[in-house]
Amino acid sequence: MSTTVQNLTGIDVSHYQGDINWQEVAANPTSFAIIKATQGTGFVDPMFQTNWQGANAAGLRTGAYHYFMPEKSFLEQADLLLTQLKAVGYDASADLPPAIDCEVMDGVSNAAYTFALSSLVDILRRQLGVSPMIYTAPAFWDALGDPDFSECPLWIANYTSADQPTLPGSWSGYAIWQYTSEGSVNGVEGNVDRNRLGNDVSALTSARRVLDWF
């Protein structure tokens, strides 16, 4: 993978960031934005559509993420996310794959978690024609038993001074690396998560060459 691609950076945001000046973000420069859409079975981020439209208008590549709650119905979680993606005109050939944010157990067993997540992945893949990203941190995934979801692009959260993130054992590469939660970007008030494309960024799309995206 070329150094040019791996140097491309992005942010991920939710309503916690408040109003964002996306034109300033794009001039930072920032190449992509992953925007919180939904959580569990009943929460839609109130800034999702505004952020999606603003980021697109500023020329950023956009993606959405769903905060996974394993104790709740995976069918209802899939429906909630798909409804929001439809509302913003999600296009699998032009937008980043949606991400499933995996960071809480909510008291379920490893087996129950893995079953619910696998079911959600399967529904999204069938409905959208792309494999969703898995967002997770190494410690969380290892505690889960390192289940093999390597067919999904990995969005790894690992805050380290090393040149590369630590990966769960079942992945050999990563598509996106969230390398800090204390980033600063013009157009966003306060701290914001910063990300960069990784050594397995080609997993994000089978429809286009990666360099055609940015």
N, C-alpha and C. Protein backbone atom coordinates (compact mmCIF):
# COMPACT_ATOMS: atom_id res chain seq x y z
N MET A 1 0.85 -1.18 0.00
CA MET A 1 0.00 0.00 0.00
C MET A 1 0.89 1.24 0.00
N SER A 2 0.53 2.22 -0.79
CA SER A 2 1.39 3.38 -0.93
C SER A 2 1.38 4.23 0.33
N THR A 3 2.51 4.91 0.56
CA THR A 3 2.60 5.82 1.70
C THR A 3 1.57 6.92 1.58
N THR A 4 1.27 7.35 0.34
CA THR A 4 0.30 8.42 0.12
C THR A 4 -1.05 8.05 0.70
N VAL A 5 -1.51 6.84 0.44
CA VAL A 5 -2.79 6.40 0.97
C VAL A 5 -2.76 6.33 2.49
N GLN A 6 -1.71 5.74 3.05
CA GLN A 6 -1.66 5.56 4.49
C GLN A 6 -1.52 6.87 5.25
N ASN A 7 -1.11 7.94 4.57
CA ASN A 7 -1.00 9.23 5.23
C ASN A 7 -2.33 9.98 5.28
N LEU A 8 -3.35 9.49 4.57
CA LEU A 8 -4.63 10.17 4.57
C LEU A 8 -5.30 10.01 5.93
N THR A 9 -5.83 11.10 6.45
CA THR A 9 -6.38 11.11 7.80
C THR A 9 -7.86 11.45 7.80
N GLY A 10 -8.52 11.07 8.90
CA GLY A 10 -9.93 11.36 9.05
C GLY A 10 -10.28 11.54 10.51
N ILE A 11 -11.54 11.84 10.76
CA ILE A 11 -12.04 11.99 12.12
C ILE A 11 -13.31 11.15 12.26
N ASP A 12 -13.66 10.84 13.51
CA ASP A 12 -15.00 10.28 13.76
C ASP A 12 -15.68 11.15 14.81
N VAL A 13 -16.97 11.36 14.60
CA VAL A 13 -17.71 12.34 15.40
C VAL A 13 -19.09 11.82 15.76
N SER A 14 -19.67 12.48 16.77
CA SER A 14 -21.06 12.25 17.15
C SER A 14 -21.63 13.59 17.59
N HIS A 15 -22.82 13.54 18.18
CA HIS A 15 -23.44 14.79 18.65
C HIS A 15 -22.62 15.46 19.74
N TYR A 16 -21.71 14.72 20.37
CA TYR A 16 -20.89 15.30 21.43
C TYR A 16 -20.00 16.42 20.90
N GLN A 17 -19.69 16.41 19.63
CA GLN A 17 -18.86 17.47 19.05
C GLN A 17 -19.65 18.74 18.74
N GLY A 18 -20.98 18.69 18.88
CA GLY A 18 -21.78 19.88 18.61
C GLY A 18 -21.78 20.24 17.13
N ASP A 19 -21.94 21.53 16.85
CA ASP A 19 -21.94 22.00 15.47
C ASP A 19 -20.52 21.98 14.92
N ILE A 20 -20.36 21.42 13.75
CA ILE A 20 -19.05 21.28 13.12
C ILE A 20 -19.01 22.11 11.84
N ASN A 21 -17.92 22.84 11.65
CA ASN A 21 -17.71 23.58 10.41
C ASN A 21 -16.96 22.64 9.46
N TRP A 22 -17.69 21.96 8.61
CA TRP A 22 -17.09 20.92 7.78
C TRP A 22 -16.17 21.48 6.71
N GLN A 23 -16.41 22.69 6.27
CA GLN A 23 -15.49 23.29 5.30
C GLN A 23 -14.12 23.51 5.93
N GLU A 24 -14.09 23.92 7.18
CA GLU A 24 -12.81 24.08 7.88
C GLU A 24 -12.15 22.73 8.11
N VAL A 25 -12.95 21.72 8.45
CA VAL A 25 -12.40 20.38 8.64
C VAL A 25 -11.72 19.90 7.37
N ALA A 26 -12.38 20.08 6.24
CA ALA A 26 -11.85 19.60 4.96
C ALA A 26 -10.57 20.34 4.58
N ALA A 27 -10.43 21.56 5.03
CA ALA A 27 -9.25 22.35 4.69
C ALA A 27 -8.07 22.05 5.60
N ASN A 28 -8.25 21.14 6.55
CA ASN A 28 -7.24 20.89 7.60
C ASN A 28 -5.87 20.38 7.13
N PRO A 29 -5.70 19.41 6.19
CA PRO A 29 -6.76 18.74 5.45
C PRO A 29 -7.20 17.44 6.13
N THR A 30 -8.44 17.07 5.92
CA THR A 30 -9.00 15.82 6.41
C THR A 30 -9.71 15.14 5.24
N SER A 31 -9.49 13.85 5.06
CA SER A 31 -10.00 13.16 3.87
C SER A 31 -11.33 12.43 4.09
N PHE A 32 -11.57 11.99 5.33
CA PHE A 32 -12.79 11.21 5.55
C PHE A 32 -13.34 11.46 6.96
N ALA A 33 -14.63 11.17 7.11
CA ALA A 33 -15.30 11.32 8.40
C ALA A 33 -16.22 10.13 8.62
N ILE A 34 -16.14 9.55 9.81
CA ILE A 34 -17.03 8.47 10.19
C ILE A 34 -17.95 9.01 11.29
N ILE A 35 -19.24 8.93 11.05
CA ILE A 35 -20.22 9.69 11.81
C ILE A 35 -21.16 8.74 12.55
N LYS A 36 -21.34 9.00 13.83
CA LYS A 36 -22.27 8.15 14.59
C LYS A 36 -23.68 8.29 14.05
N ALA A 37 -24.30 7.14 13.78
CA ALA A 37 -25.68 7.12 13.29
C ALA A 37 -26.64 6.66 14.36
N THR A 38 -26.33 5.51 14.97
CA THR A 38 -27.31 4.85 15.84
C THR A 38 -26.64 4.13 16.99
N GLN A 39 -27.46 3.78 17.98
CA GLN A 39 -26.97 3.02 19.14
C GLN A 39 -28.09 2.11 19.61
N GLY A 40 -27.75 0.84 19.82
CA GLY A 40 -28.76 -0.10 20.30
C GLY A 40 -29.95 -0.19 19.37
N THR A 41 -31.15 -0.21 19.95
CA THR A 41 -32.36 -0.38 19.14
C THR A 41 -33.22 0.87 19.05
N GLY A 42 -32.86 1.94 19.79
CA GLY A 42 -33.77 3.08 19.81
C GLY A 42 -33.14 4.44 19.75
N PHE A 43 -31.80 4.52 19.65
CA PHE A 43 -31.17 5.84 19.67
C PHE A 43 -30.61 6.19 18.31
N VAL A 44 -31.05 7.33 17.78
CA VAL A 44 -30.49 7.90 16.56
C VAL A 44 -29.74 9.16 16.94
N ASP A 45 -28.47 9.26 16.57
CA ASP A 45 -27.71 10.45 16.90
C ASP A 45 -28.37 11.67 16.27
N PRO A 46 -28.73 12.68 17.08
CA PRO A 46 -29.48 13.82 16.54
C PRO A 46 -28.71 14.65 15.52
N MET A 47 -27.38 14.47 15.46
CA MET A 47 -26.58 15.23 14.49
C MET A 47 -26.18 14.40 13.28
N PHE A 48 -26.67 13.16 13.19
CA PHE A 48 -26.18 12.28 12.13
C PHE A 48 -26.44 12.85 10.74
N GLN A 49 -27.67 13.16 10.43
CA GLN A 49 -27.98 13.62 9.08
C GLN A 49 -27.30 14.96 8.79
N THR A 50 -27.27 15.84 9.77
CA THR A 50 -26.60 17.14 9.57
C THR A 50 -25.12 16.95 9.30
N ASN A 51 -24.48 16.09 10.10
CA ASN A 51 -23.05 15.85 9.91
C ASN A 51 -22.77 15.16 8.58
N TRP A 52 -23.60 14.20 8.23
CA TRP A 52 -23.41 13.48 6.96
C TRP A 52 -23.49 14.45 5.77
N GLN A 53 -24.53 15.27 5.78
CA GLN A 53 -24.70 16.22 4.69
C GLN A 53 -23.57 17.25 4.65
N GLY A 54 -23.16 17.73 5.83
CA GLY A 54 -22.09 18.72 5.87
C GLY A 54 -20.77 18.17 5.41
N ALA A 55 -20.44 16.95 5.84
CA ALA A 55 -19.18 16.34 5.44
C ALA A 55 -19.16 16.06 3.94
N ASN A 56 -20.27 15.57 3.41
CA ASN A 56 -20.34 15.33 1.97
C ASN A 56 -20.21 16.61 1.17
N ALA A 57 -20.89 17.66 1.63
CA ALA A 57 -20.83 18.93 0.91
C ALA A 57 -19.42 19.51 0.90
N ALA A 58 -18.63 19.17 1.94
CA ALA A 58 -17.26 19.65 2.02
C ALA A 58 -16.29 18.77 1.23
N GLY A 59 -16.80 17.68 0.65
CA GLY A 59 -15.96 16.83 -0.18
C GLY A 59 -15.27 15.70 0.54
N LEU A 60 -15.69 15.42 1.79
CA LEU A 60 -15.08 14.31 2.53
C LEU A 60 -15.74 13.00 2.16
N ARG A 61 -14.96 11.92 2.19
CA ARG A 61 -15.52 10.59 2.09
C ARG A 61 -16.19 10.28 3.42
N THR A 62 -17.42 9.76 3.40
CA THR A 62 -18.17 9.58 4.64
C THR A 62 -18.49 8.12 4.93
N GLY A 63 -18.60 7.84 6.21
CA GLY A 63 -19.03 6.55 6.70
C GLY A 63 -19.85 6.76 7.95
N ALA A 64 -20.61 5.74 8.34
CA ALA A 64 -21.46 5.81 9.53
C ALA A 64 -21.10 4.68 10.48
N TYR A 65 -21.34 4.91 11.78
CA TYR A 65 -21.11 3.81 12.72
C TYR A 65 -22.30 3.61 13.65
N HIS A 66 -22.46 2.36 14.06
CA HIS A 66 -23.52 1.95 14.98
C HIS A 66 -22.87 1.44 16.26
N TYR A 67 -23.31 1.97 17.40
CA TYR A 67 -22.82 1.53 18.70
C TYR A 67 -23.59 0.27 19.10
N PHE A 68 -22.90 -0.86 19.06
CA PHE A 68 -23.51 -2.17 19.25
C PHE A 68 -23.79 -2.44 20.72
N MET A 69 -25.01 -2.87 21.01
CA MET A 69 -25.41 -3.26 22.36
C MET A 69 -25.87 -4.72 22.30
N PRO A 70 -25.01 -5.66 22.70
CA PRO A 70 -25.24 -7.08 22.44
C PRO A 70 -26.44 -7.68 23.15
N GLU A 71 -26.93 -7.03 24.18
CA GLU A 71 -28.08 -7.61 24.90
C GLU A 71 -29.40 -7.28 24.23
N LYS A 72 -29.36 -6.42 23.21
CA LYS A 72 -30.58 -6.01 22.53
C LYS A 72 -30.72 -6.74 21.19
N SER A 73 -31.90 -6.75 20.63
CA SER A 73 -32.19 -7.48 19.40
C SER A 73 -31.29 -7.04 18.25
N PHE A 74 -30.54 -7.97 17.68
CA PHE A 74 -29.69 -7.62 16.54
C PHE A 74 -30.55 -7.29 15.32
N LEU A 75 -31.75 -7.88 15.22
CA LEU A 75 -32.65 -7.55 14.12
C LEU A 75 -33.09 -6.09 14.19
N GLU A 76 -33.45 -5.65 15.38
CA GLU A 76 -33.89 -4.26 15.54
C GLU A 76 -32.71 -3.30 15.37
N GLN A 77 -31.53 -3.70 15.81
CA GLN A 77 -30.36 -2.84 15.62
C GLN A 77 -30.04 -2.68 14.14
N ALA A 78 -30.12 -3.78 13.40
CA ALA A 78 -29.88 -3.71 11.96
C ALA A 78 -30.90 -2.80 11.29
N ASP A 79 -32.17 -2.96 11.66
CA ASP A 79 -33.22 -2.15 11.05
C ASP A 79 -33.03 -0.67 11.34
N LEU A 80 -32.63 -0.34 12.56
CA LEU A 80 -32.42 1.06 12.93
C LEU A 80 -31.30 1.67 12.09
N LEU A 81 -30.19 0.96 11.98
CA LEU A 81 -29.07 1.49 11.20
C LEU A 81 -29.42 1.59 9.72
N LEU A 82 -30.02 0.55 9.16
CA LEU A 82 -30.36 0.56 7.74
C LEU A 82 -31.33 1.68 7.40
N THR A 83 -32.27 1.95 8.30
CA THR A 83 -33.21 3.05 8.08
C THR A 83 -32.49 4.38 7.99
N GLN A 84 -31.51 4.60 8.87
CA GLN A 84 -30.76 5.85 8.85
C GLN A 84 -29.85 5.95 7.63
N LEU A 85 -29.26 4.85 7.23
CA LEU A 85 -28.42 4.87 6.04
C LEU A 85 -29.27 5.20 4.81
N LYS A 86 -30.45 4.62 4.73
CA LYS A 86 -31.34 4.93 3.61
C LYS A 86 -31.72 6.40 3.61
N ALA A 87 -31.92 6.97 4.79
CA ALA A 87 -32.34 8.37 4.89
C ALA A 87 -31.30 9.34 4.34
N VAL A 88 -30.02 8.96 4.43
CA VAL A 88 -28.96 9.85 3.91
C VAL A 88 -28.49 9.43 2.53
N GLY A 89 -29.13 8.42 1.94
CA GLY A 89 -28.76 8.00 0.60
C GLY A 89 -27.46 7.25 0.53
N TYR A 90 -27.20 6.41 1.53
CA TYR A 90 -25.95 5.64 1.55
C TYR A 90 -25.76 4.89 0.24
N ASP A 91 -24.53 4.95 -0.29
CA ASP A 91 -24.17 4.30 -1.54
C ASP A 91 -22.92 3.46 -1.30
N ALA A 92 -23.06 2.14 -1.35
CA ALA A 92 -21.95 1.25 -1.03
C ALA A 92 -20.77 1.43 -1.97
N SER A 93 -20.98 1.94 -3.18
CA SER A 93 -19.88 2.12 -4.11
C SER A 93 -19.18 3.46 -3.93
N ALA A 94 -19.74 4.34 -3.12
CA ALA A 94 -19.16 5.67 -2.95
C ALA A 94 -18.81 6.00 -1.50
N ASP A 95 -19.50 5.37 -0.55
CA ASP A 95 -19.29 5.67 0.86
C ASP A 95 -18.49 4.56 1.53
N LEU A 96 -17.88 4.89 2.66
CA LEU A 96 -17.18 3.88 3.44
C LEU A 96 -18.18 2.86 3.99
N PRO A 97 -17.77 1.61 4.17
CA PRO A 97 -18.68 0.65 4.78
C PRO A 97 -19.10 1.11 6.17
N PRO A 98 -20.33 0.85 6.57
CA PRO A 98 -20.72 1.19 7.94
C PRO A 98 -19.89 0.38 8.93
N ALA A 99 -19.71 0.94 10.11
CA ALA A 99 -18.92 0.29 11.15
C ALA A 99 -19.81 -0.10 12.32
N ILE A 100 -19.47 -1.23 12.93
CA ILE A 100 -20.12 -1.68 14.16
C ILE A 100 -19.14 -1.44 15.30
N ASP A 101 -19.52 -0.59 16.22
CA ASP A 101 -18.67 -0.19 17.34
C ASP A 101 -18.80 -1.23 18.45
N CYS A 102 -17.74 -2.00 18.65
CA CYS A 102 -17.74 -3.10 19.62
C CYS A 102 -16.87 -2.73 20.81
N GLU A 103 -17.50 -2.36 21.92
CA GLU A 103 -16.70 -1.98 23.09
C GLU A 103 -17.36 -2.24 24.43
N VAL A 104 -18.61 -2.75 24.44
CA VAL A 104 -19.26 -3.06 25.72
C VAL A 104 -19.87 -4.45 25.66
N MET A 105 -19.79 -5.17 26.79
CA MET A 105 -20.37 -6.51 26.89
C MET A 105 -21.80 -6.49 27.40
N ASP A 106 -22.14 -5.51 28.23
CA ASP A 106 -23.48 -5.41 28.81
C ASP A 106 -23.94 -6.68 29.49
N GLY A 107 -22.99 -7.41 30.07
CA GLY A 107 -23.34 -8.56 30.88
C GLY A 107 -23.59 -9.85 30.12
N VAL A 108 -23.45 -9.86 28.81
CA VAL A 108 -23.70 -11.10 28.06
C VAL A 108 -22.43 -11.94 28.03
N SER A 109 -22.56 -13.21 27.70
CA SER A 109 -21.40 -14.09 27.59
C SER A 109 -20.67 -13.83 26.27
N ASN A 110 -19.45 -14.32 26.20
CA ASN A 110 -18.69 -14.19 24.95
C ASN A 110 -19.42 -14.86 23.79
N ALA A 111 -20.00 -16.03 24.06
CA ALA A 111 -20.71 -16.75 23.00
C ALA A 111 -21.93 -15.98 22.52
N ALA A 112 -22.70 -15.40 23.46
CA ALA A 112 -23.89 -14.64 23.08
C ALA A 112 -23.51 -13.39 22.30
N TYR A 113 -22.43 -12.74 22.75
CA TYR A 113 -21.95 -11.54 22.05
C TYR A 113 -21.58 -11.89 20.61
N THR A 114 -20.78 -12.94 20.46
CA THR A 114 -20.30 -13.32 19.13
C THR A 114 -21.44 -13.70 18.20
N PHE A 115 -22.43 -14.42 18.73
CA PHE A 115 -23.59 -14.80 17.93
C PHE A 115 -24.35 -13.57 17.45
N ALA A 116 -24.63 -12.65 18.37
CA ALA A 116 -25.40 -11.46 18.00
C ALA A 116 -24.63 -10.60 17.00
N LEU A 117 -23.33 -10.46 17.20
CA LEU A 117 -22.52 -9.65 16.28
C LEU A 117 -22.46 -10.30 14.91
N SER A 118 -22.26 -11.61 14.87
CA SER A 118 -22.21 -12.32 13.60
C SER A 118 -23.53 -12.18 12.84
N SER A 119 -24.62 -12.24 13.57
CA SER A 119 -25.94 -12.09 12.95
C SER A 119 -26.13 -10.70 12.38
N LEU A 120 -25.70 -9.68 13.12
CA LEU A 120 -25.80 -8.31 12.64
C LEU A 120 -24.93 -8.10 11.41
N VAL A 121 -23.73 -8.62 11.43
CA VAL A 121 -22.83 -8.53 10.27
C VAL A 121 -23.49 -9.15 9.04
N ASP A 122 -24.07 -10.33 9.21
CA ASP A 122 -24.68 -11.03 8.09
C ASP A 122 -25.84 -10.23 7.49
N ILE A 123 -26.67 -9.65 8.34
CA ILE A 123 -27.80 -8.86 7.85
C ILE A 123 -27.30 -7.66 7.05
N LEU A 124 -26.34 -6.94 7.60
CA LEU A 124 -25.83 -5.75 6.91
C LEU A 124 -25.17 -6.11 5.59
N ARG A 125 -24.44 -7.21 5.59
CA ARG A 125 -23.78 -7.64 4.35
C ARG A 125 -24.82 -7.97 3.27
N ARG A 126 -25.85 -8.66 3.66
CA ARG A 126 -26.89 -9.03 2.69
C ARG A 126 -27.64 -7.80 2.17
N GLN A 127 -27.93 -6.88 3.06
CA GLN A 127 -28.72 -5.71 2.68
C GLN A 127 -27.93 -4.66 1.92
N LEU A 128 -26.65 -4.53 2.21
CA LEU A 128 -25.84 -3.46 1.63
C LEU A 128 -24.87 -3.93 0.57
N GLY A 129 -24.57 -5.23 0.56
CA GLY A 129 -23.64 -5.74 -0.42
C GLY A 129 -22.18 -5.52 -0.08
N VAL A 130 -21.90 -5.08 1.15
CA VAL A 130 -20.53 -4.90 1.62
C VAL A 130 -20.43 -5.43 3.05
N SER A 131 -19.23 -5.85 3.42
CA SER A 131 -19.00 -6.26 4.81
C SER A 131 -18.79 -5.04 5.67
N PRO A 132 -19.51 -4.92 6.78
CA PRO A 132 -19.30 -3.77 7.66
C PRO A 132 -17.93 -3.84 8.33
N MET A 133 -17.43 -2.68 8.70
CA MET A 133 -16.21 -2.62 9.50
C MET A 133 -16.51 -3.04 10.93
N ILE A 134 -15.50 -3.59 11.59
CA ILE A 134 -15.56 -3.82 13.03
C ILE A 134 -14.64 -2.81 13.70
N TYR A 135 -15.21 -2.00 14.60
CA TYR A 135 -14.42 -1.07 15.40
C TYR A 135 -14.22 -1.70 16.77
N THR A 136 -12.98 -1.81 17.19
CA THR A 136 -12.71 -2.37 18.51
C THR A 136 -11.31 -2.01 18.97
N ALA A 137 -11.03 -2.28 20.23
CA ALA A 137 -9.70 -2.12 20.80
C ALA A 137 -9.11 -3.51 21.06
N PRO A 138 -7.79 -3.64 21.00
CA PRO A 138 -7.18 -4.96 21.19
C PRO A 138 -7.57 -5.64 22.49
N ALA A 139 -7.57 -4.92 23.60
CA ALA A 139 -7.87 -5.53 24.89
C ALA A 139 -9.29 -6.06 24.94
N PHE A 140 -10.24 -5.29 24.39
CA PHE A 140 -11.64 -5.74 24.40
C PHE A 140 -11.79 -7.00 23.56
N TRP A 141 -11.22 -6.99 22.36
CA TRP A 141 -11.39 -8.14 21.47
C TRP A 141 -10.72 -9.39 22.02
N ASP A 142 -9.56 -9.21 22.63
CA ASP A 142 -8.87 -10.36 23.22
C ASP A 142 -9.69 -10.95 24.37
N ALA A 143 -10.30 -10.08 25.19
CA ALA A 143 -11.13 -10.56 26.30
C ALA A 143 -12.37 -11.28 25.78
N LEU A 144 -12.81 -10.92 24.59
CA LEU A 144 -13.96 -11.57 23.97
C LEU A 144 -13.60 -12.97 23.46
N GLY A 145 -12.31 -13.28 23.43
CA GLY A 145 -11.87 -14.59 22.96
C GLY A 145 -11.32 -14.56 21.55
N ASP A 146 -11.11 -13.35 21.02
CA ASP A 146 -10.56 -13.17 19.67
C ASP A 146 -11.34 -13.96 18.61
N PRO A 147 -12.66 -13.77 18.54
CA PRO A 147 -13.43 -14.46 17.50
C PRO A 147 -12.99 -13.98 16.12
N ASP A 148 -13.10 -14.85 15.14
CA ASP A 148 -12.60 -14.53 13.80
C ASP A 148 -13.67 -13.81 12.98
N PHE A 149 -13.52 -12.50 12.87
CA PHE A 149 -14.35 -11.67 12.00
C PHE A 149 -13.48 -11.03 10.93
N SER A 150 -12.43 -11.73 10.53
CA SER A 150 -11.45 -11.14 9.62
C SER A 150 -12.00 -10.89 8.23
N GLU A 151 -13.22 -11.38 7.94
CA GLU A 151 -13.83 -11.03 6.66
C GLU A 151 -14.32 -9.59 6.65
N CYS A 152 -14.36 -8.97 7.82
CA CYS A 152 -14.76 -7.57 7.95
C CYS A 152 -13.51 -6.68 8.06
N PRO A 153 -13.51 -5.53 7.39
CA PRO A 153 -12.40 -4.59 7.58
C PRO A 153 -12.29 -4.19 9.05
N LEU A 154 -11.08 -4.05 9.53
CA LEU A 154 -10.84 -3.70 10.93
C LEU A 154 -10.58 -2.21 11.08
N TRP A 155 -11.34 -1.58 11.97
CA TRP A 155 -11.09 -0.21 12.41
C TRP A 155 -10.59 -0.34 13.85
N ILE A 156 -9.30 -0.19 14.03
CA ILE A 156 -8.69 -0.49 15.32
C ILE A 156 -8.48 0.78 16.14
N ALA A 157 -8.87 0.73 17.41
CA ALA A 157 -8.64 1.82 18.35
C ALA A 157 -7.46 1.44 19.23
N ASN A 158 -6.34 2.12 19.03
CA ASN A 158 -5.14 1.78 19.80
C ASN A 158 -4.28 3.03 19.91
N TYR A 159 -4.24 3.58 21.12
CA TYR A 159 -3.53 4.84 21.34
C TYR A 159 -2.12 4.52 21.81
N THR A 160 -1.18 4.64 20.91
CA THR A 160 0.19 4.23 21.18
C THR A 160 1.15 5.14 20.44
N SER A 161 2.37 5.23 20.94
CA SER A 161 3.40 6.02 20.25
C SER A 161 4.11 5.20 19.19
N ALA A 162 3.74 3.93 19.06
CA ALA A 162 4.38 3.06 18.07
C ALA A 162 3.95 3.46 16.66
N ASP A 163 4.72 3.02 15.68
CA ASP A 163 4.43 3.34 14.29
C ASP A 163 3.20 2.61 13.77
N GLN A 164 2.87 1.47 14.39
CA GLN A 164 1.72 0.67 13.97
C GLN A 164 0.93 0.26 15.20
N PRO A 165 -0.39 0.07 15.05
CA PRO A 165 -1.20 -0.34 16.20
C PRO A 165 -1.02 -1.82 16.51
N THR A 166 -1.37 -2.20 17.74
CA THR A 166 -1.48 -3.60 18.11
C THR A 166 -2.80 -4.13 17.57
N LEU A 167 -2.78 -5.30 16.96
CA LEU A 167 -3.98 -5.87 16.36
C LEU A 167 -4.43 -7.12 17.10
N PRO A 168 -5.74 -7.39 17.15
CA PRO A 168 -6.20 -8.69 17.62
C PRO A 168 -5.63 -9.79 16.72
N GLY A 169 -5.48 -10.98 17.27
CA GLY A 169 -4.80 -12.05 16.54
C GLY A 169 -5.47 -12.48 15.26
N SER A 170 -6.80 -12.32 15.17
CA SER A 170 -7.51 -12.84 14.01
C SER A 170 -7.40 -11.94 12.78
N TRP A 171 -6.87 -10.74 12.93
CA TRP A 171 -6.64 -9.85 11.79
C TRP A 171 -5.15 -9.72 11.51
N SER A 172 -4.79 -9.73 10.25
CA SER A 172 -3.40 -9.54 9.87
C SER A 172 -3.11 -8.11 9.43
N GLY A 173 -4.16 -7.33 9.23
CA GLY A 173 -3.99 -5.93 8.83
C GLY A 173 -5.18 -5.12 9.29
N TYR A 174 -5.12 -3.83 9.06
CA TYR A 174 -6.21 -2.95 9.49
C TYR A 174 -6.53 -1.95 8.38
N ALA A 175 -7.79 -1.58 8.29
CA ALA A 175 -8.23 -0.62 7.29
C ALA A 175 -8.10 0.81 7.79
N ILE A 176 -8.45 1.03 9.06
CA ILE A 176 -8.39 2.36 9.65
C ILE A 176 -7.85 2.23 11.06
N TRP A 177 -7.01 3.17 11.45
CA TRP A 177 -6.43 3.20 12.79
C TRP A 177 -6.88 4.48 13.49
N GLN A 178 -7.66 4.33 14.56
CA GLN A 178 -7.97 5.46 15.44
C GLN A 178 -6.81 5.57 16.42
N TYR A 179 -5.97 6.57 16.20
CA TYR A 179 -4.72 6.62 16.95
C TYR A 179 -4.73 7.58 18.13
N THR A 180 -5.78 8.41 18.25
CA THR A 180 -5.91 9.26 19.42
C THR A 180 -7.36 9.68 19.60
N SER A 181 -7.73 9.93 20.86
CA SER A 181 -9.04 10.48 21.17
C SER A 181 -8.93 11.95 21.58
N GLU A 182 -7.73 12.47 21.48
CA GLU A 182 -7.48 13.84 21.93
C GLU A 182 -6.91 14.69 20.80
N GLY A 183 -7.41 14.45 19.60
CA GLY A 183 -6.95 15.21 18.45
C GLY A 183 -7.57 16.60 18.40
N SER A 184 -6.98 17.43 17.56
CA SER A 184 -7.48 18.79 17.36
C SER A 184 -7.56 19.05 15.86
N VAL A 185 -8.73 19.50 15.42
CA VAL A 185 -8.95 19.77 14.00
C VAL A 185 -9.71 21.08 13.87
N ASN A 186 -9.28 21.95 13.00
CA ASN A 186 -10.01 23.18 12.74
C ASN A 186 -11.43 22.85 12.33
N GLY A 187 -12.40 23.57 12.90
CA GLY A 187 -13.79 23.33 12.58
C GLY A 187 -14.52 22.49 13.61
N VAL A 188 -13.75 21.86 14.53
CA VAL A 188 -14.35 21.05 15.60
C VAL A 188 -13.90 21.63 16.94
N GLU A 189 -14.87 21.92 17.80
CA GLU A 189 -14.55 22.46 19.11
C GLU A 189 -14.15 21.34 20.06
N GLY A 190 -13.00 21.49 20.73
CA GLY A 190 -12.56 20.49 21.69
C GLY A 190 -11.89 19.31 21.03
N ASN A 191 -11.69 18.26 21.82
CA ASN A 191 -11.01 17.07 21.32
C ASN A 191 -11.87 16.30 20.33
N VAL A 192 -11.19 15.62 19.41
CA VAL A 192 -11.89 14.78 18.45
C VAL A 192 -11.00 13.58 18.13
N ASP A 193 -11.63 12.42 17.91
CA ASP A 193 -10.88 11.23 17.53
C ASP A 193 -10.24 11.44 16.16
N ARG A 194 -8.96 11.06 16.06
CA ARG A 194 -8.24 11.13 14.79
C ARG A 194 -7.95 9.73 14.29
N ASN A 195 -7.98 9.58 12.98
CA ASN A 195 -7.80 8.28 12.32
C ASN A 195 -6.90 8.44 11.11
N ARG A 196 -6.29 7.33 10.70
CA ARG A 196 -5.59 7.30 9.43
C ARG A 196 -5.85 5.97 8.74
N LEU A 197 -5.76 5.99 7.42
CA LEU A 197 -5.94 4.76 6.66
C LEU A 197 -4.78 3.81 6.92
N GLY A 198 -5.04 2.50 6.77
CA GLY A 198 -4.06 1.51 7.18
C GLY A 198 -3.54 0.64 6.06
N ASN A 199 -2.89 -0.44 6.46
CA ASN A 199 -2.23 -1.31 5.49
C ASN A 199 -3.17 -2.31 4.84
N ASP A 200 -4.44 -2.31 5.24
CA ASP A 200 -5.43 -3.18 4.62
C ASP A 200 -6.61 -2.34 4.15
N VAL A 201 -6.33 -1.12 3.72
CA VAL A 201 -7.40 -0.21 3.34
C VAL A 201 -8.15 -0.71 2.12
N SER A 202 -7.55 -1.57 1.30
CA SER A 202 -8.26 -2.10 0.13
C SER A 202 -9.48 -2.92 0.54
N ALA A 203 -9.53 -3.37 1.81
CA ALA A 203 -10.70 -4.11 2.28
C ALA A 203 -11.95 -3.24 2.37
N LEU A 204 -11.79 -1.94 2.27
CA LEU A 204 -12.93 -1.05 2.38
C LEU A 204 -13.83 -1.08 1.15
N THR A 205 -13.30 -1.50 0.03
CA THR A 205 -14.11 -1.53 -1.17
C THR A 205 -13.60 -2.56 -2.15
N SER A 206 -14.54 -3.20 -2.83
CA SER A 206 -14.18 -4.07 -3.94
C SER A 206 -14.62 -3.43 -5.25
N ALA A 207 -15.24 -2.27 -5.15
CA ALA A 207 -15.81 -1.63 -6.34
C ALA A 207 -14.86 -0.66 -7.02
N ARG A 208 -13.90 -0.11 -6.28
CA ARG A 208 -13.02 0.90 -6.85
C ARG A 208 -11.60 0.72 -6.32
N ARG A 209 -10.65 1.23 -7.09
CA ARG A 209 -9.31 1.34 -6.55
C ARG A 209 -9.34 2.37 -5.43
N VAL A 210 -8.60 2.12 -4.36
CA VAL A 210 -8.64 3.01 -3.19
C VAL A 210 -8.24 4.43 -3.56
N LEU A 211 -7.22 4.57 -4.40
CA LEU A 211 -6.77 5.92 -4.74
C LEU A 211 -7.82 6.72 -5.50
N ASP A 212 -8.77 6.04 -6.13
CA ASP A 212 -9.84 6.76 -6.83
C ASP A 212 -10.80 7.41 -5.84
N TRP A 213 -10.74 6.97 -4.58
CA TRP A 213 -11.69 7.48 -3.59
C TRP A 213 -11.30 8.82 -3.04
N PHE A 214 -10.00 9.12 -2.99
CA PHE A 214 -9.56 10.29 -2.22
C PHE A 214 -8.79 11.28 -3.11
